[in-house]
Amino acid sequence: MLNVGIPAYRLPRNVVREAIEEVRRLGVKIILSTPVGKELNLETLREQYDAVYIGAGAHKAEKLEIPGEDLQGVVHGVTFMQMINLGQD
């Protein structure tokens, strides 16, 4: 979300990369894009690691329930930022 939900001029991508690398240098193992469930369950993670942090993605725009938000050409903020930052039209 840091890279696709916030404009680079507000949070430069190199700052995000450097922060992640600093956390890794401290010995934290970062596992990305891995669903927690049948194949990898929370109990197994708790047995293998001293601490576990699960960051659920929050990339879905929420409806505001305001007139006009479903009109053609209206794009929600989160969706707009994803499109811009991922180079989509």
PDB file of N, CA and C in Angstrom:
ATOM      1  N   MET A   1       0.834  -1.192   0.000  1.00  0.00           N
ATOM      2  CA  MET A   1       0.000   0.000   0.000  1.00  0.00           C
ATOM      3  C   MET A   1       0.879   1.256   0.000  1.00  0.00           C
ATOM      4  N   LEU A   2       2.051   1.160   0.618  1.00  0.00           N
ATOM      5  CA  LEU A   2       2.946   2.321   0.632  1.00  0.00           C
ATOM      6  C   LEU A   2       3.368   2.725  -0.774  1.00  0.00           C
ATOM      7  N   ASN A   3       3.560   1.735  -1.638  1.00  0.00           N
ATOM      8  CA  ASN A   3       4.025   2.028  -2.993  1.00  0.00           C
ATOM      9  C   ASN A   3       2.917   2.332  -3.982  1.00  0.00           C
ATOM     10  N   VAL A   4       1.718   1.835  -3.753  1.00  0.00           N
ATOM     11  CA  VAL A   4       0.663   2.072  -4.739  1.00  0.00           C
ATOM     12  C   VAL A   4      -0.433   3.000  -4.231  1.00  0.00           C
ATOM     13  N   GLY A   5      -0.487   3.247  -2.946  1.00  0.00           N
ATOM     14  CA  GLY A   5      -1.556   4.074  -2.399  1.00  0.00           C
ATOM     15  C   GLY A   5      -1.140   5.489  -2.060  1.00  0.00           C
ATOM     16  N   ILE A   6       0.152   5.754  -2.090  1.00  0.00           N
ATOM     17  CA  ILE A   6       0.677   7.074  -1.729  1.00  0.00           C
ATOM     18  C   ILE A   6       1.544   7.562  -2.884  1.00  0.00           C
ATOM     19  N   PRO A   7       1.347   8.803  -3.330  1.00  0.00           N
ATOM     20  CA  PRO A   7       2.161   9.306  -4.437  1.00  0.00           C
ATOM     21  C   PRO A   7       3.649   9.344  -4.075  1.00  0.00           C
ATOM     22  N   ALA A   8       4.493   9.078  -5.049  1.00  0.00           N
ATOM     23  CA  ALA A   8       5.948   9.049  -4.827  1.00  0.00           C
ATOM     24  C   ALA A   8       6.493  10.390  -4.349  1.00  0.00           C
ATOM     25  N   TYR A   9       5.866  11.492  -4.727  1.00  0.00           N
ATOM     26  CA  TYR A   9       6.366  12.792  -4.273  1.00  0.00           C
ATOM     27  C   TYR A   9       6.094  12.997  -2.780  1.00  0.00           C
ATOM     28  N   ARG A  10       5.144  12.250  -2.214  1.00  0.00           N
ATOM     29  CA  ARG A  10       4.871  12.330  -0.773  1.00  0.00           C
ATOM     30  C   ARG A  10       5.693  11.318   0.017  1.00  0.00           C
ATOM     31  N   LEU A  11       5.899  10.134  -0.580  1.00  0.00           N
ATOM     32  CA  LEU A  11       6.681   9.080   0.053  1.00  0.00           C
ATOM     33  C   LEU A  11       7.565   8.458  -1.026  1.00  0.00           C
ATOM     34  N   PRO A  12       8.787   8.977  -1.162  1.00  0.00           N
ATOM     35  CA  PRO A  12       9.681   8.484  -2.209  1.00  0.00           C
ATOM     36  C   PRO A  12       9.910   6.973  -2.090  1.00  0.00           C
ATOM     37  N   ARG A  13       9.920   6.292  -3.223  1.00  0.00           N
ATOM     38  CA  ARG A  13      10.060   4.833  -3.243  1.00  0.00           C
ATOM     39  C   ARG A  13      11.366   4.365  -2.618  1.00  0.00           C
ATOM     40  N   ASN A  14      12.434   5.149  -2.773  1.00  0.00           N
ATOM     41  CA  ASN A  14      13.703   4.752  -2.167  1.00  0.00           C
ATOM     42  C   ASN A  14      13.620   4.773  -0.639  1.00  0.00           C
ATOM     43  N   VAL A  15      12.805   5.639  -0.076  1.00  0.00           N
ATOM     44  CA  VAL A  15      12.619   5.679   1.381  1.00  0.00           C
ATOM     45  C   VAL A  15      11.933   4.402   1.845  1.00  0.00           C
ATOM     46  N   VAL A  16      10.935   3.952   1.095  1.00  0.00           N
ATOM     47  CA  VAL A  16      10.242   2.702   1.425  1.00  0.00           C
ATOM     48  C   VAL A  16      11.216   1.536   1.336  1.00  0.00           C
ATOM     49  N   ARG A  17      11.980   1.458   0.240  1.00  0.00           N
ATOM     50  CA  ARG A  17      12.950   0.363   0.069  1.00  0.00           C
ATOM     51  C   ARG A  17      13.980   0.351   1.192  1.00  0.00           C
ATOM     52  N   GLU A  18      14.508   1.517   1.541  1.00  0.00           N
ATOM     53  CA  GLU A  18      15.521   1.605   2.600  1.00  0.00           C
ATOM     54  C   GLU A  18      14.947   1.183   3.950  1.00  0.00           C
ATOM     55  N   ALA A  19      13.711   1.557   4.236  1.00  0.00           N
ATOM     56  CA  ALA A  19      13.076   1.172   5.499  1.00  0.00           C
ATOM     57  C   ALA A  19      12.879  -0.343   5.568  1.00  0.00           C
ATOM     58  N   ILE A  20      12.450  -0.932   4.457  1.00  0.00           N
ATOM     59  CA  ILE A  20      12.268  -2.386   4.414  1.00  0.00           C
ATOM     60  C   ILE A  20      13.603  -3.097   4.592  1.00  0.00           C
ATOM     61  N   GLU A  21      14.642  -2.610   3.928  1.00  0.00           N
ATOM     62  CA  GLU A  21      15.965  -3.224   4.065  1.00  0.00           C
ATOM     63  C   GLU A  21      16.508  -3.098   5.489  1.00  0.00           C
ATOM     64  N   GLU A  22      16.243  -2.005   6.147  1.00  0.00           N
ATOM     65  CA  GLU A  22      16.683  -1.839   7.534  1.00  0.00           C
ATOM     66  C   GLU A  22      16.003  -2.872   8.436  1.00  0.00           C
ATOM     67  N   VAL A  23      14.742  -3.104   8.215  1.00  0.00           N
ATOM     68  CA  VAL A  23      14.013  -4.118   8.991  1.00  0.00           C
ATOM     69  C   VAL A  23      14.615  -5.494   8.726  1.00  0.00           C
ATOM     70  N   ARG A  24      14.930  -5.788   7.474  1.00  0.00           N
ATOM     71  CA  ARG A  24      15.555  -7.083   7.141  1.00  0.00           C
ATOM     72  C   ARG A  24      16.929  -7.221   7.795  1.00  0.00           C
ATOM     73  N   ARG A  25      17.704  -6.134   7.802  1.00  0.00           N
ATOM     74  CA  ARG A  25      19.037  -6.182   8.436  1.00  0.00           C
ATOM     75  C   ARG A  25      18.934  -6.483   9.925  1.00  0.00           C
ATOM     76  N   LEU A  26      17.822  -6.126  10.523  1.00  0.00           N
ATOM     77  CA  LEU A  26      17.602  -6.418  11.949  1.00  0.00           C
ATOM     78  C   LEU A  26      17.250  -7.885  12.183  1.00  0.00           C
ATOM     79  N   GLY A  27      17.106  -8.644  11.102  1.00  0.00           N
ATOM     80  CA  GLY A  27      16.848 -10.076  11.224  1.00  0.00           C
ATOM     81  C   GLY A  27      15.410 -10.500  11.000  1.00  0.00           C
ATOM     82  N   VAL A  28      14.585  -9.584  10.556  1.00  0.00           N
ATOM     83  CA  VAL A  28      13.176  -9.910  10.314  1.00  0.00           C
ATOM     84  C   VAL A  28      13.051 -10.588   8.958  1.00  0.00           C
ATOM     85  N   LYS A  29      12.344 -11.719   8.940  1.00  0.00           N
ATOM     86  CA  LYS A  29      12.064 -12.403   7.678  1.00  0.00           C
ATOM     87  C   LYS A  29      10.722 -11.886   7.176  1.00  0.00           C
ATOM     88  N   ILE A  30      10.716 -11.382   5.959  1.00  0.00           N
ATOM     89  CA  ILE A  30       9.501 -10.816   5.370  1.00  0.00           C
ATOM     90  C   ILE A  30       9.015 -11.758   4.285  1.00  0.00           C
ATOM     91  N   ILE A  31       7.769 -12.207   4.432  1.00  0.00           N
ATOM     92  CA  ILE A  31       7.153 -13.093   3.450  1.00  0.00           C
ATOM     93  C   ILE A  31       5.985 -12.330   2.841  1.00  0.00           C
ATOM     94  N   LEU A  32       6.016 -12.146   1.530  1.00  0.00           N
ATOM     95  CA  LEU A  32       4.992 -11.358   0.848  1.00  0.00           C
ATOM     96  C   LEU A  32       4.034 -12.228   0.042  1.00  0.00           C
ATOM     97  N   SER A  33       2.855 -11.708  -0.190  1.00  0.00           N
ATOM     98  CA  SER A  33       1.863 -12.323  -1.079  1.00  0.00           C
ATOM     99  C   SER A  33       1.616 -13.792  -0.754  1.00  0.00           C
ATOM    100  N   THR A  34       1.482 -14.091   0.521  1.00  0.00           N
ATOM    101  CA  THR A  34       1.274 -15.457   0.967  1.00  0.00           C
ATOM    102  C   THR A  34       0.030 -15.530   1.829  1.00  0.00           C
ATOM    103  N   PRO A  35      -1.011 -16.177   1.327  1.00  0.00           N
ATOM    104  CA  PRO A  35      -2.225 -16.284   2.135  1.00  0.00           C
ATOM    105  C   PRO A  35      -2.004 -17.162   3.355  1.00  0.00           C
ATOM    106  N   VAL A  36      -2.567 -16.753   4.460  1.00  0.00           N
ATOM    107  CA  VAL A  36      -2.522 -17.554   5.676  1.00  0.00           C
ATOM    108  C   VAL A  36      -3.821 -18.343   5.712  1.00  0.00           C
ATOM    109  N   GLY A  37      -3.691 -19.649   5.798  1.00  0.00           N
ATOM    110  CA  GLY A  37      -4.881 -20.498   5.770  1.00  0.00           C
ATOM    111  C   GLY A  37      -4.485 -21.951   5.824  1.00  0.00           C
ATOM    112  N   LYS A  38      -4.894 -22.714   4.829  1.00  0.00           N
ATOM    113  CA  LYS A  38      -4.661 -24.160   4.828  1.00  0.00           C
ATOM    114  C   LYS A  38      -3.185 -24.530   4.711  1.00  0.00           C
ATOM    115  N   GLU A  39      -2.504 -23.997   3.689  1.00  0.00           N
ATOM    116  CA  GLU A  39      -1.109 -24.378   3.460  1.00  0.00           C
ATOM    117  C   GLU A  39      -0.157 -23.776   4.492  1.00  0.00           C
ATOM    118  N   LEU A  40      -0.396 -22.579   4.882  1.00  0.00           N
ATOM    119  CA  LEU A  40       0.433 -21.893   5.869  1.00  0.00           C
ATOM    120  C   LEU A  40      -0.511 -21.334   6.928  1.00  0.00           C
ATOM    121  N   ASN A  41      -0.553 -21.990   8.073  1.00  0.00           N
ATOM    122  CA  ASN A  41      -1.507 -21.533   9.089  1.00  0.00           C
ATOM    123  C   ASN A  41      -0.803 -20.780  10.213  1.00  0.00           C
ATOM    124  N   LEU A  42      -1.577 -20.040  10.957  1.00  0.00           N
ATOM    125  CA  LEU A  42      -1.038 -19.193  12.019  1.00  0.00           C
ATOM    126  C   LEU A  42      -0.318 -20.006  13.084  1.00  0.00           C
ATOM    127  N   GLU A  43      -0.847 -21.142  13.435  1.00  0.00           N
ATOM    128  CA  GLU A  43      -0.216 -21.978  14.473  1.00  0.00           C
ATOM    129  C   GLU A  43       1.195 -22.395  14.064  1.00  0.00           C
ATOM    130  N   THR A  44       1.362 -22.792  12.810  1.00  0.00           N
ATOM    131  CA  THR A  44       2.680 -23.175  12.304  1.00  0.00           C
ATOM    132  C   THR A  44       3.638 -21.990  12.367  1.00  0.00           C
ATOM    133  N   LEU A  45       3.161 -20.819  11.966  1.00  0.00           N
ATOM    134  CA  LEU A  45       4.004 -19.627  12.024  1.00  0.00           C
ATOM    135  C   LEU A  45       4.417 -19.324  13.460  1.00  0.00           C
ATOM    136  N   ARG A  46       3.497 -19.449  14.392  1.00  0.00           N
ATOM    137  CA  ARG A  46       3.795 -19.161  15.809  1.00  0.00           C
ATOM    138  C   ARG A  46       4.810 -20.146  16.383  1.00  0.00           C
ATOM    139  N   GLU A  47       4.807 -21.375  15.870  1.00  0.00           N
ATOM    140  CA  GLU A  47       5.780 -22.382  16.319  1.00  0.00           C
ATOM    141  C   GLU A  47       7.176 -22.089  15.761  1.00  0.00           C
ATOM    142  N   GLN A  48       7.222 -21.563  14.549  1.00  0.00           N
ATOM    143  CA  GLN A  48       8.496 -21.350  13.858  1.00  0.00           C
ATOM    144  C   GLN A  48       9.183 -20.029  14.206  1.00  0.00           C
ATOM    145  N   TYR A  49       8.406 -19.026  14.643  1.00  0.00           N
ATOM    146  CA  TYR A  49       8.960 -17.690  14.844  1.00  0.00           C
ATOM    147  C   TYR A  49       8.631 -17.153  16.231  1.00  0.00           C
ATOM    148  N   ASP A  50       9.490 -16.255  16.712  1.00  0.00           N
ATOM    149  CA  ASP A  50       9.263 -15.615  18.012  1.00  0.00           C
ATOM    150  C   ASP A  50       8.095 -14.638  17.967  1.00  0.00           C
ATOM    151  N   ALA A  51       7.902 -14.027  16.831  1.00  0.00           N
ATOM    152  CA  ALA A  51       6.809 -13.061  16.667  1.00  0.00           C
ATOM    153  C   ALA A  51       6.303 -13.155  15.239  1.00  0.00           C
ATOM    154  N   VAL A  52       5.021 -12.895  15.071  1.00  0.00           N
ATOM    155  CA  VAL A  52       4.400 -12.935  13.747  1.00  0.00           C
ATOM    156  C   VAL A  52       3.546 -11.690  13.587  1.00  0.00           C
ATOM    157  N   TYR A  53       3.709 -11.025  12.461  1.00  0.00           N
ATOM    158  CA  TYR A  53       2.859  -9.885  12.123  1.00  0.00           C
ATOM    159  C   TYR A  53       2.207 -10.203  10.791  1.00  0.00           C
ATOM    160  N   ILE A  54       0.897 -10.139  10.748  1.00  0.00           N
ATOM    161  CA  ILE A  54       0.181 -10.382   9.499  1.00  0.00           C
ATOM    162  C   ILE A  54      -0.426  -9.059   9.055  1.00  0.00           C
ATOM    163  N   GLY A  55       0.005  -8.586   7.916  1.00  0.00           N
ATOM    164  CA  GLY A  55      -0.518  -7.338   7.361  1.00  0.00           C
ATOM    165  C   GLY A  55      -1.494  -7.651   6.239  1.00  0.00           C
ATOM    166  N   ALA A  56      -2.752  -7.483   6.521  1.00  0.00           N
ATOM    167  CA  ALA A  56      -3.762  -7.741   5.496  1.00  0.00           C
ATOM    168  C   ALA A  56      -3.794  -6.575   4.518  1.00  0.00           C
ATOM    169  N   GLY A  57      -3.890  -6.881   3.260  1.00  0.00           N
ATOM    170  CA  GLY A  57      -3.963  -5.840   2.240  1.00  0.00           C
ATOM    171  C   GLY A  57      -5.230  -5.005   2.394  1.00  0.00           C
ATOM    172  N   ALA A  58      -5.122  -3.738   2.054  1.00  0.00           N
ATOM    173  CA  ALA A  58      -6.269  -2.835   2.164  1.00  0.00           C
ATOM    174  C   ALA A  58      -6.441  -2.059   0.866  1.00  0.00           C
ATOM    175  N   HIS A  59      -6.360  -2.783  -0.225  1.00  0.00           N
ATOM    176  CA  HIS A  59      -6.357  -2.132  -1.533  1.00  0.00           C
ATOM    177  C   HIS A  59      -7.735  -1.990  -2.149  1.00  0.00           C
ATOM    178  N   LYS A  60      -8.778  -2.238  -1.412  1.00  0.00           N
ATOM    179  CA  LYS A  60     -10.125  -2.157  -1.980  1.00  0.00           C
ATOM    180  C   LYS A  60     -10.773  -0.837  -1.593  1.00  0.00           C
ATOM    181  N   ALA A  61     -11.234  -0.112  -2.597  1.00  0.00           N
ATOM    182  CA  ALA A  61     -11.909   1.156  -2.341  1.00  0.00           C
ATOM    183  C   ALA A  61     -13.260   0.902  -1.676  1.00  0.00           C
ATOM    184  N   GLU A  62     -13.584   1.708  -0.711  1.00  0.00           N
ATOM    185  CA  GLU A  62     -14.867   1.609  -0.025  1.00  0.00           C
ATOM    186  C   GLU A  62     -15.869   2.572  -0.639  1.00  0.00           C
ATOM    187  N   LYS A  63     -17.084   2.111  -0.767  1.00  0.00           N
ATOM    188  CA  LYS A  63     -18.157   2.978  -1.266  1.00  0.00           C
ATOM    189  C   LYS A  63     -18.458   4.044  -0.219  1.00  0.00           C
ATOM    190  N   LEU A  64     -18.725   5.236  -0.685  1.00  0.00           N
ATOM    191  CA  LEU A  64     -19.041   6.344   0.213  1.00  0.00           C
ATOM    192  C   LEU A  64     -20.542   6.546   0.377  1.00  0.00           C
ATOM    193  N   GLU A  65     -21.295   5.849  -0.483  1.00  0.00           N
ATOM    194  CA  GLU A  65     -22.763   5.977  -0.452  1.00  0.00           C
ATOM    195  C   GLU A  65     -23.206   7.425  -0.669  1.00  0.00           C
ATOM    196  N   ILE A  66     -22.590   8.061  -1.675  1.00  0.00           N
ATOM    197  CA  ILE A  66     -22.968   9.434  -2.022  1.00  0.00           C
ATOM    198  C   ILE A  66     -23.479   9.456  -3.455  1.00  0.00           C
ATOM    199  N   PRO A  67     -24.363  10.391  -3.754  1.00  0.00           N
ATOM    200  CA  PRO A  67     -24.905  10.462  -5.109  1.00  0.00           C
ATOM    201  C   PRO A  67     -23.799  10.677  -6.146  1.00  0.00           C
ATOM    202  N   GLY A  68     -23.855   9.899  -7.214  1.00  0.00           N
ATOM    203  CA  GLY A  68     -22.933  10.082  -8.321  1.00  0.00           C
ATOM    204  C   GLY A  68     -21.685   9.226  -8.285  1.00  0.00           C
ATOM    205  N   GLU A  69     -21.422   8.529  -7.189  1.00  0.00           N
ATOM    206  CA  GLU A  69     -20.170   7.778  -7.125  1.00  0.00           C
ATOM    207  C   GLU A  69     -20.131   6.592  -8.085  1.00  0.00           C
ATOM    208  N   ASP A  70     -21.281   6.171  -8.570  1.00  0.00           N
ATOM    209  CA  ASP A  70     -21.323   5.066  -9.523  1.00  0.00           C
ATOM    210  C   ASP A  70     -21.432   5.535 -10.977  1.00  0.00           C
ATOM    211  N   LEU A  71     -21.344   6.835 -11.203  1.00  0.00           N
ATOM    212  CA  LEU A  71     -21.425   7.359 -12.559  1.00  0.00           C
ATOM    213  C   LEU A  71     -20.186   6.984 -13.367  1.00  0.00           C
ATOM    214  N   GLN A  72     -20.373   6.906 -14.678  1.00  0.00           N
ATOM    215  CA  GLN A  72     -19.255   6.597 -15.567  1.00  0.00           C
ATOM    216  C   GLN A  72     -18.177   7.672 -15.420  1.00  0.00           C
ATOM    217  N   GLY A  73     -16.936   7.248 -15.296  1.00  0.00           N
ATOM    218  CA  GLY A  73     -15.816   8.180 -15.192  1.00  0.00           C
ATOM    219  C   GLY A  73     -15.422   8.524 -13.774  1.00  0.00           C
ATOM    220  N   VAL A  74     -16.236   8.140 -12.791  1.00  0.00           N
ATOM    221  CA  VAL A  74     -15.896   8.398 -11.388  1.00  0.00           C
ATOM    222  C   VAL A  74     -15.014   7.251 -10.898  1.00  0.00           C
ATOM    223  N   VAL A  75     -13.864   7.590 -10.376  1.00  0.00           N
ATOM    224  CA  VAL A  75     -12.916   6.591  -9.887  1.00  0.00           C
ATOM    225  C   VAL A  75     -12.614   6.904  -8.423  1.00  0.00           C
ATOM    226  N   HIS A  76     -12.693   5.900  -7.578  1.00  0.00           N
ATOM    227  CA  HIS A  76     -12.385   6.100  -6.163  1.00  0.00           C
ATOM    228  C   HIS A  76     -10.886   6.363  -5.966  1.00  0.00           C
ATOM    229  N   GLY A  77     -10.550   7.040  -4.898  1.00  0.00           N
ATOM    230  CA  GLY A  77      -9.175   7.467  -4.652  1.00  0.00           C
ATOM    231  C   GLY A  77      -8.168   6.336  -4.632  1.00  0.00           C
ATOM    232  N   VAL A  78      -8.452   5.256  -3.902  1.00  0.00           N
ATOM    233  CA  VAL A  78      -7.515   4.130  -3.810  1.00  0.00           C
ATOM    234  C   VAL A  78      -7.315   3.503  -5.182  1.00  0.00           C
ATOM    235  N   THR A  79      -8.402   3.321  -5.906  1.00  0.00           N
ATOM    236  CA  THR A  79      -8.325   2.747  -7.252  1.00  0.00           C
ATOM    237  C   THR A  79      -7.507   3.657  -8.170  1.00  0.00           C
ATOM    238  N   PHE A  80      -7.740   4.953  -8.094  1.00  0.00           N
ATOM    239  CA  PHE A  80      -7.009   5.926  -8.912  1.00  0.00           C
ATOM    240  C   PHE A  80      -5.511   5.856  -8.615  1.00  0.00           C
ATOM    241  N   MET A  81      -5.143   5.839  -7.337  1.00  0.00           N
ATOM    242  CA  MET A  81      -3.724   5.799  -6.967  1.00  0.00           C
ATOM    243  C   MET A  81      -3.075   4.513  -7.455  1.00  0.00           C
ATOM    244  N   GLN A  82      -3.771   3.387  -7.352  1.00  0.00           N
ATOM    245  CA  GLN A  82      -3.232   2.124  -7.863  1.00  0.00           C
ATOM    246  C   GLN A  82      -2.989   2.213  -9.369  1.00  0.00           C
ATOM    247  N   MET A  83      -3.969   2.737 -10.099  1.00  0.00           N
ATOM    248  CA  MET A  83      -3.847   2.847 -11.537  1.00  0.00           C
ATOM    249  C   MET A  83      -2.650   3.713 -11.915  1.00  0.00           C
ATOM    250  N   ILE A  84      -2.494   4.831 -11.270  1.00  0.00           N
ATOM    251  CA  ILE A  84      -1.383   5.748 -11.581  1.00  0.00           C
ATOM    252  C   ILE A  84      -0.039   5.110 -11.236  1.00  0.00           C
ATOM    253  N   ASN A  85       0.068   4.574 -10.028  1.00  0.00           N
ATOM    254  CA  ASN A  85       1.350   4.055  -9.559  1.00  0.00           C
ATOM    255  C   ASN A  85       1.758   2.736 -10.214  1.00  0.00           C
ATOM    256  N   LEU A  86       0.798   2.017 -10.777  1.00  0.00           N
ATOM    257  CA  LEU A  86       1.113   0.774 -11.483  1.00  0.00           C
ATOM    258  C   LEU A  86       1.146   0.979 -13.006  1.00  0.00           C
ATOM    259  N   GLY A  87       0.973   2.240 -13.443  1.00  0.00           N
ATOM    260  CA  GLY A  87       1.051   2.565 -14.859  1.00  0.00           C
ATOM    261  C   GLY A  87      -0.104   2.037 -15.680  1.00  0.00           C
ATOM    262  N   GLN A  88      -1.273   1.926 -15.069  1.00  0.00           N
ATOM    263  CA  GLN A  88      -2.448   1.433 -15.788  1.00  0.00           C
ATOM    264  C   GLN A  88      -3.280   2.611 -16.276  1.00  0.00           C
ATOM    265  N   ASP A  89      -4.057   2.367 -17.312  1.00  0.00           N
ATOM    266  CA  ASP A  89      -4.954   3.406 -17.843  1.00  0.00           C
ATOM    267  C   ASP A  89      -6.342   3.204 -17.303  1.00  0.00           C
TER     268      ASP A  89
END
